[in-house]
PDB file of N, CA and C in Angstrom:
ATOM      1  N   MET A   1       0.851  -1.173   0.000  1.00  0.00           N
ATOM      2  CA  MET A   1       0.000   0.000   0.000  1.00  0.00           C
ATOM      3  C   MET A   1       0.897   1.237   0.000  1.00  0.00           C
ATOM      4  N   GLU A   2       0.585   2.202  -0.841  1.00  0.00           N
ATOM      5  CA  GLU A   2       1.388   3.406  -0.994  1.00  0.00           C
ATOM      6  C   GLU A   2       0.957   4.478   0.010  1.00  0.00           C
ATOM      7  N   VAL A   3       1.929   5.170   0.605  1.00  0.00           N
ATOM      8  CA  VAL A   3       1.651   6.260   1.538  1.00  0.00           C
ATOM      9  C   VAL A   3       1.314   7.505   0.736  1.00  0.00           C
ATOM     10  N   VAL A   4       0.148   8.100   1.008  1.00  0.00           N
ATOM     11  CA  VAL A   4      -0.284   9.301   0.309  1.00  0.00           C
ATOM     12  C   VAL A   4       0.073  10.541   1.113  1.00  0.00           C
ATOM     13  N   LYS A   5      -0.118  10.490   2.432  1.00  0.00           N
ATOM     14  CA  LYS A   5       0.230  11.590   3.327  1.00  0.00           C
ATOM     15  C   LYS A   5       0.957  11.015   4.528  1.00  0.00           C
ATOM     16  N   ASP A   6       1.868  11.793   5.060  1.00  0.00           N
ATOM     17  CA  ASP A   6       2.593  11.377   6.257  1.00  0.00           C
ATOM     18  C   ASP A   6       2.851  12.613   7.101  1.00  0.00           C
ATOM     19  N   TYR A   7       2.150  12.729   8.236  1.00  0.00           N
ATOM     20  CA  TYR A   7       2.341  13.878   9.119  1.00  0.00           C
ATOM     21  C   TYR A   7       2.027  13.482  10.546  1.00  0.00           C
ATOM     22  N   ASP A   8       2.518  14.283  11.494  1.00  0.00           N
ATOM     23  CA  ASP A   8       2.288  14.040  12.915  1.00  0.00           C
ATOM     24  C   ASP A   8       1.130  14.892  13.398  1.00  0.00           C
ATOM     25  N   VAL A   9       0.371  14.351  14.336  1.00  0.00           N
ATOM     26  CA  VAL A   9      -0.735  15.086  14.950  1.00  0.00           C
ATOM     27  C   VAL A   9      -0.597  14.985  16.458  1.00  0.00           C
ATOM     28  N   HIS A  10      -1.335  15.817  17.160  1.00  0.00           N
ATOM     29  CA  HIS A  10      -1.374  15.712  18.618  1.00  0.00           C
ATOM     30  C   HIS A  10      -2.823  15.769  19.079  1.00  0.00           C
ATOM     31  N   ILE A  11      -3.067  15.268  20.247  1.00  0.00           N
ATOM     32  CA  ILE A  11      -4.409  15.275  20.826  1.00  0.00           C
ATOM     33  C   ILE A  11      -4.576  16.594  21.565  1.00  0.00           C
ATOM     34  N   ASP A  12      -5.669  17.313  21.299  1.00  0.00           N
ATOM     35  CA  ASP A  12      -5.892  18.590  21.976  1.00  0.00           C
ATOM     36  C   ASP A  12      -6.487  18.357  23.362  1.00  0.00           C
ATOM     37  N   SER A  13      -6.833  19.443  24.043  1.00  0.00           N
ATOM     38  CA  SER A  13      -7.318  19.346  25.425  1.00  0.00           C
ATOM     39  C   SER A  13      -8.628  18.567  25.549  1.00  0.00           C
ATOM     40  N   LYS A  14      -9.381  18.471  24.460  1.00  0.00           N
ATOM     41  CA  LYS A  14     -10.635  17.715  24.471  1.00  0.00           C
ATOM     42  C   LYS A  14     -10.464  16.320  23.888  1.00  0.00           C
ATOM     43  N   LYS A  15      -9.217  15.885  23.757  1.00  0.00           N
ATOM     44  CA  LYS A  15      -8.880  14.565  23.226  1.00  0.00           C
ATOM     45  C   LYS A  15      -9.311  14.407  21.774  1.00  0.00           C
ATOM     46  N   HIS A  16      -9.225  15.477  20.982  1.00  0.00           N
ATOM     47  CA  HIS A  16      -9.565  15.453  19.568  1.00  0.00           C
ATOM     48  C   HIS A  16      -8.297  15.437  18.722  1.00  0.00           C
ATOM     49  N   VAL A  17      -8.390  14.797  17.578  1.00  0.00           N
ATOM     50  CA  VAL A  17      -7.321  14.795  16.594  1.00  0.00           C
ATOM     51  C   VAL A  17      -7.903  15.381  15.312  1.00  0.00           C
ATOM     52  N   THR A  18      -7.166  16.270  14.659  1.00  0.00           N
ATOM     53  CA  THR A  18      -7.629  16.870  13.419  1.00  0.00           C
ATOM     54  C   THR A  18      -6.934  16.207  12.241  1.00  0.00           C
ATOM     55  N   LEU A  19      -7.723  15.759  11.271  1.00  0.00           N
ATOM     56  CA  LEU A  19      -7.178  15.172  10.055  1.00  0.00           C
ATOM     57  C   LEU A  19      -7.126  16.259   8.991  1.00  0.00           C
ATOM     58  N   ARG A  20      -5.951  16.527   8.486  1.00  0.00           N
ATOM     59  CA  ARG A  20      -5.786  17.574   7.473  1.00  0.00           C
ATOM     60  C   ARG A  20      -6.265  17.078   6.113  1.00  0.00           C
ATOM     61  N   GLY A  21      -7.106  17.877   5.481  1.00  0.00           N
ATOM     62  CA  GLY A  21      -7.565  17.549   4.135  1.00  0.00           C
ATOM     63  C   GLY A  21      -8.324  16.245   4.043  1.00  0.00           C
ATOM     64  N   ALA A  22      -9.077  15.899   5.090  1.00  0.00           N
ATOM     65  CA  ALA A  22      -9.825  14.641   5.093  1.00  0.00           C
ATOM     66  C   ALA A  22     -10.832  14.621   3.947  1.00  0.00           C
ATOM     67  N   LYS A  23     -10.912  13.507   3.264  1.00  0.00           N
ATOM     68  CA  LYS A  23     -11.819  13.383   2.127  1.00  0.00           C
ATOM     69  C   LYS A  23     -13.228  12.989   2.551  1.00  0.00           C
ATOM     70  N   TYR A  24     -13.368  12.452   3.743  1.00  0.00           N
ATOM     71  CA  TYR A  24     -14.667  11.994   4.226  1.00  0.00           C
ATOM     72  C   TYR A  24     -15.004  12.698   5.526  1.00  0.00           C
ATOM     73  N   GLN A  25     -16.299  12.783   5.830  1.00  0.00           N
ATOM     74  CA  GLN A  25     -16.735  13.411   7.071  1.00  0.00           C
ATOM     75  C   GLN A  25     -16.764  12.407   8.224  1.00  0.00           C
ATOM     76  N   TYR A  26     -17.011  11.148   7.930  1.00  0.00           N
ATOM     77  CA  TYR A  26     -17.128  10.125   8.956  1.00  0.00           C
ATOM     78  C   TYR A  26     -16.097   9.025   8.747  1.00  0.00           C
ATOM     79  N   TYR A  27     -15.547   8.542   9.853  1.00  0.00           N
ATOM     80  CA  TYR A  27     -14.574   7.458   9.811  1.00  0.00           C
ATOM     81  C   TYR A  27     -14.901   6.439  10.893  1.00  0.00           C
ATOM     82  N   ASN A  28     -14.664   5.176  10.606  1.00  0.00           N
ATOM     83  CA  ASN A  28     -14.733   4.124  11.601  1.00  0.00           C
ATOM     84  C   ASN A  28     -13.330   3.998  12.184  1.00  0.00           C
ATOM     85  N   VAL A  29     -13.229   3.942  13.507  1.00  0.00           N
ATOM     86  CA  VAL A  29     -11.924   3.904  14.177  1.00  0.00           C
ATOM     87  C   VAL A  29     -11.748   2.571  14.871  1.00  0.00           C
ATOM     88  N   ARG A  30     -10.595   1.947  14.661  1.00  0.00           N
ATOM     89  CA  ARG A  30     -10.219   0.731  15.386  1.00  0.00           C
ATOM     90  C   ARG A  30      -8.901   1.008  16.079  1.00  0.00           C
ATOM     91  N   GLU A  31      -8.898   0.823  17.393  1.00  0.00           N
ATOM     92  CA  GLU A  31      -7.670   1.028  18.163  1.00  0.00           C
ATOM     93  C   GLU A  31      -7.190  -0.327  18.649  1.00  0.00           C
ATOM     94  N   TYR A  32      -5.930  -0.635  18.394  1.00  0.00           N
ATOM     95  CA  TYR A  32      -5.366  -1.930  18.751  1.00  0.00           C
ATOM     96  C   TYR A  32      -4.535  -1.826  20.022  1.00  0.00           C
ATOM     97  N   GLU A  33      -4.315  -2.964  20.661  1.00  0.00           N
ATOM     98  CA  GLU A  33      -3.574  -3.017  21.918  1.00  0.00           C
ATOM     99  C   GLU A  33      -2.161  -2.450  21.792  1.00  0.00           C
ATOM    100  N   ASN A  34      -1.557  -2.579  20.613  1.00  0.00           N
ATOM    101  CA  ASN A  34      -0.187  -2.111  20.430  1.00  0.00           C
ATOM    102  C   ASN A  34      -0.117  -0.610  20.142  1.00  0.00           C
ATOM    103  N   GLY A  35      -1.261   0.096  20.173  1.00  0.00           N
ATOM    104  CA  GLY A  35      -1.277   1.537  19.970  1.00  0.00           C
ATOM    105  C   GLY A  35      -1.618   1.966  18.554  1.00  0.00           C
ATOM    106  N   CYS A  36      -1.693   1.029  17.627  1.00  0.00           N
ATOM    107  CA  CYS A  36      -2.045   1.373  16.249  1.00  0.00           C
ATOM    108  C   CYS A  36      -3.520   1.759  16.176  1.00  0.00           C
ATOM    109  N   ILE A  37      -3.800   2.732  15.349  1.00  0.00           N
ATOM    110  CA  ILE A  37      -5.176   3.174  15.129  1.00  0.00           C
ATOM    111  C   ILE A  37      -5.463   3.068  13.643  1.00  0.00           C
ATOM    112  N   MET A  38      -6.566   2.412  13.289  1.00  0.00           N
ATOM    113  CA  MET A  38      -6.964   2.238  11.896  1.00  0.00           C
ATOM    114  C   MET A  38      -8.214   3.078  11.647  1.00  0.00           C
ATOM    115  N   LEU A  39      -8.152   3.955  10.650  1.00  0.00           N
ATOM    116  CA  LEU A  39      -9.302   4.761  10.250  1.00  0.00           C
ATOM    117  C   LEU A  39      -9.801   4.255   8.909  1.00  0.00           C
ATOM    118  N   GLU A  40     -11.095   3.983   8.823  1.00  0.00           N
ATOM    119  CA  GLU A  40     -11.695   3.584   7.556  1.00  0.00           C
ATOM    120  C   GLU A  40     -12.829   4.549   7.247  1.00  0.00           C
ATOM    121  N   PRO A  41     -12.840   5.129   6.055  1.00  0.00           N
ATOM    122  CA  PRO A  41     -13.891   6.096   5.722  1.00  0.00           C
ATOM    123  C   PRO A  41     -15.263   5.434   5.685  1.00  0.00           C
ATOM    124  N   ARG A  42     -16.260   6.187   6.124  1.00  0.00           N
ATOM    125  CA  ARG A  42     -17.648   5.733   6.103  1.00  0.00           C
ATOM    126  C   ARG A  42     -18.483   6.812   5.448  1.00  0.00           C
ATOM    127  N   GLU A  43     -19.388   6.400   4.599  1.00  0.00           N
ATOM    128  CA  GLU A  43     -20.344   7.321   4.013  1.00  0.00           C
ATOM    129  C   GLU A  43     -21.718   6.922   4.505  1.00  0.00           C
ATOM    130  N   LEU A  44     -22.369   7.827   5.224  1.00  0.00           N
ATOM    131  CA  LEU A  44     -23.695   7.560   5.741  1.00  0.00           C
ATOM    132  C   LEU A  44     -24.705   7.828   4.639  1.00  0.00           C
ATOM    133  N   VAL A  45     -25.580   6.871   4.409  1.00  0.00           N
ATOM    134  CA  VAL A  45     -26.592   7.009   3.366  1.00  0.00           C
ATOM    135  C   VAL A  45     -27.969   6.780   3.960  1.00  0.00           C
ATOM    136  N   THR A  46     -28.937   7.427   3.388  1.00  0.00           N
ATOM    137  CA  THR A  46     -30.321   7.241   3.801  1.00  0.00           C
ATOM    138  C   THR A  46     -30.842   5.971   3.157  1.00  0.00           C
ATOM    139  N   PRO A  47     -31.470   5.093   3.939  1.00  0.00           N
ATOM    140  CA  PRO A  47     -32.007   3.876   3.332  1.00  0.00           C
ATOM    141  C   PRO A  47     -33.074   4.237   2.304  1.00  0.00           C
ATOM    142  N   GLU A  48     -33.121   3.456   1.229  1.00  0.00           N
ATOM    143  CA  GLU A  48     -34.070   3.748   0.157  1.00  0.00           C
ATOM    144  C   GLU A  48     -35.512   3.621   0.643  1.00  0.00           C
ATOM    145  N   THR A  49     -35.800   2.558   1.375  1.00  0.00           N
ATOM    146  CA  THR A  49     -37.161   2.358   1.863  1.00  0.00           C
ATOM    147  C   THR A  49     -37.106   1.689   3.237  1.00  0.00           C
ATOM    148  N   ILE A  50     -38.206   1.768   3.930  1.00  0.00           N
ATOM    149  CA  ILE A  50     -38.368   1.043   5.193  1.00  0.00           C
ATOM    150  C   ILE A  50     -39.136  -0.223   4.846  1.00  0.00           C
ATOM    151  N   SER A  51     -38.678  -1.353   5.347  1.00  0.00           N
ATOM    152  CA  SER A  51     -39.307  -2.623   4.984  1.00  0.00           C
ATOM    153  C   SER A  51     -40.755  -2.675   5.471  1.00  0.00           C
ATOM    154  N   GLU A  52     -41.538  -3.454   4.759  1.00  0.00           N
ATOM    155  CA  GLU A  52     -42.960  -3.619   5.094  1.00  0.00           C
ATOM    156  C   GLU A  52     -43.114  -4.172   6.510  1.00  0.00           C
ATOM    157  N   ARG A  53     -42.265  -5.114   6.876  1.00  0.00           N
ATOM    158  CA  ARG A  53     -42.346  -5.720   8.210  1.00  0.00           C
ATOM    159  C   ARG A  53     -42.076  -4.680   9.303  1.00  0.00           C
ATOM    160  N   THR A  54     -41.092  -3.808   9.075  1.00  0.00           N
ATOM    161  CA  THR A  54     -40.785  -2.765  10.047  1.00  0.00           C
ATOM    162  C   THR A  54     -41.960  -1.820  10.202  1.00  0.00           C
ATOM    163  N   LEU A  55     -42.587  -1.435   9.092  1.00  0.00           N
ATOM    164  CA  LEU A  55     -43.757  -0.558   9.157  1.00  0.00           C
ATOM    165  C   LEU A  55     -44.900  -1.215   9.924  1.00  0.00           C
ATOM    166  N   GLU A  56     -45.114  -2.507   9.705  1.00  0.00           N
ATOM    167  CA  GLU A  56     -46.173  -3.229  10.435  1.00  0.00           C
ATOM    168  C   GLU A  56     -45.865  -3.253  11.929  1.00  0.00           C
ATOM    169  N   ASP A  57     -44.601  -3.495  12.282  1.00  0.00           N
ATOM    170  CA  ASP A  57     -44.217  -3.513  13.701  1.00  0.00           C
ATOM    171  C   ASP A  57     -44.428  -2.142  14.339  1.00  0.00           C
ATOM    172  N   MET A  58     -44.111  -1.081  13.606  1.00  0.00           N
ATOM    173  CA  MET A  58     -44.318   0.264  14.134  1.00  0.00           C
ATOM    174  C   MET A  58     -45.799   0.547  14.348  1.00  0.00           C
ATOM    175  N   ASP A  59     -46.633   0.140  13.379  1.00  0.00           N
ATOM    176  CA  ASP A  59     -48.081   0.326  13.511  1.00  0.00           C
ATOM    177  C   ASP A  59     -48.624  -0.444  14.718  1.00  0.00           C
ATOM    178  N   GLN A  60     -48.143  -1.668  14.902  1.00  0.00           N
ATOM    179  CA  GLN A  60     -48.588  -2.475  16.039  1.00  0.00           C
ATOM    180  C   GLN A  60     -48.148  -1.831  17.357  1.00  0.00           C
ATOM    181  N   ALA A  61     -46.965  -1.296  17.418  1.00  0.00           N
ATOM    182  CA  ALA A  61     -46.473  -0.641  18.628  1.00  0.00           C
ATOM    183  C   ALA A  61     -47.343   0.572  18.982  1.00  0.00           C
ATOM    184  N   ILE A  62     -47.750   1.344  17.990  1.00  0.00           N
ATOM    185  CA  ILE A  62     -48.613   2.503  18.237  1.00  0.00           C
ATOM    186  C   ILE A  62     -49.993   2.051  18.699  1.00  0.00           C
ATOM    187  N   ARG A  63     -50.540   0.992  18.087  1.00  0.00           N
ATOM    188  CA  ARG A  63     -51.844   0.471  18.539  1.00  0.00           C
ATOM    189  C   ARG A  63     -51.762   0.019  19.994  1.00  0.00           C
ATOM    190  N   ASN A  64     -50.695  -0.697  20.346  1.00  0.00           N
ATOM    191  CA  ASN A  64     -50.518  -1.152  21.729  1.00  0.00           C
ATOM    192  C   ASN A  64     -50.409   0.033  22.673  1.00  0.00           C
ATOM    193  N   PHE A  65     -49.693   1.062  22.273  1.00  0.00           N
ATOM    194  CA  PHE A  65     -49.521   2.244  23.116  1.00  0.00           C
ATOM    195  C   PHE A  65     -50.866   2.921  23.362  1.00  0.00           C
ATOM    196  N   LYS A  66     -51.652   3.076  22.306  1.00  0.00           N
ATOM    197  CA  LYS A  66     -52.957   3.731  22.437  1.00  0.00           C
ATOM    198  C   LYS A  66     -53.932   2.925  23.296  1.00  0.00           C
ATOM    199  N   MET A  67     -53.781   1.579  23.305  1.00  0.00           N
ATOM    200  CA  MET A  67     -54.643   0.731  24.128  1.00  0.00           C
ATOM    201  C   MET A  67     -54.112   0.599  25.549  1.00  0.00           C
ATOM    202  N   GLY A  68     -52.950   1.169  25.821  1.00  0.00           N
ATOM    203  CA  GLY A  68     -52.381   1.100  27.173  1.00  0.00           C
ATOM    204  C   GLY A  68     -51.549  -0.142  27.423  1.00  0.00           C
ATOM    205  N   LYS A  69     -51.264  -0.905  26.388  1.00  0.00           N
ATOM    206  CA  LYS A  69     -50.413  -2.098  26.553  1.00  0.00           C
ATOM    207  C   LYS A  69     -48.947  -1.651  26.491  1.00  0.00           C
ATOM    208  N   VAL A  70     -48.469  -1.215  27.634  1.00  0.00           N
ATOM    209  CA  VAL A  70     -47.083  -0.741  27.696  1.00  0.00           C
ATOM    210  C   VAL A  70     -46.378  -1.408  28.871  1.00  0.00           C
ATOM    211  N   SER A  71     -45.078  -1.446  28.811  1.00  0.00           N
ATOM    212  CA  SER A  71     -44.305  -2.041  29.904  1.00  0.00           C
ATOM    213  C   SER A  71     -44.183  -1.041  31.054  1.00  0.00           C
ATOM    214  N   ALA A  72     -43.729  -1.559  32.167  1.00  0.00           N
ATOM    215  CA  ALA A  72     -43.486  -0.674  33.337  1.00  0.00           C
ATOM    216  C   ALA A  72     -42.333   0.263  32.998  1.00  0.00           C
ATOM    217  N   PRO A  73     -42.316   1.450  33.622  1.00  0.00           N
ATOM    218  CA  PRO A  73     -41.221   2.394  33.372  1.00  0.00           C
ATOM    219  C   PRO A  73     -39.852   1.779  33.693  1.00  0.00           C
ATOM    220  N   ILE A  74     -38.881   2.125  32.904  1.00  0.00           N
ATOM    221  CA  ILE A  74     -37.521   1.639  33.111  1.00  0.00           C
ATOM    222  C   ILE A  74     -36.753   2.683  33.881  1.00  0.00           C
ATOM    223  N   GLU A  75     -36.063   2.237  34.922  1.00  0.00           N
ATOM    224  CA  GLU A  75     -35.302   3.199  35.728  1.00  0.00           C
ATOM    225  C   GLU A  75     -33.942   3.424  35.150  1.00  0.00           C
TER     226      GLU A  75
END
């Protein structure tokens, strides 16, 4: 794999690191025991549709809520 950029960074007071000229807004971070950190770009996309089953489950949840079929409050 060819190195495209090579520079040093430091962690600021809020434990943030700034990536210069980053091509993506979101990255997946993996930190290994030996101190290596792997960044993989992520592109967040809106799902094309919500599945029919999910819509049915949501409708059923609202019907249950309106009928008072709800669980006890969670602390």
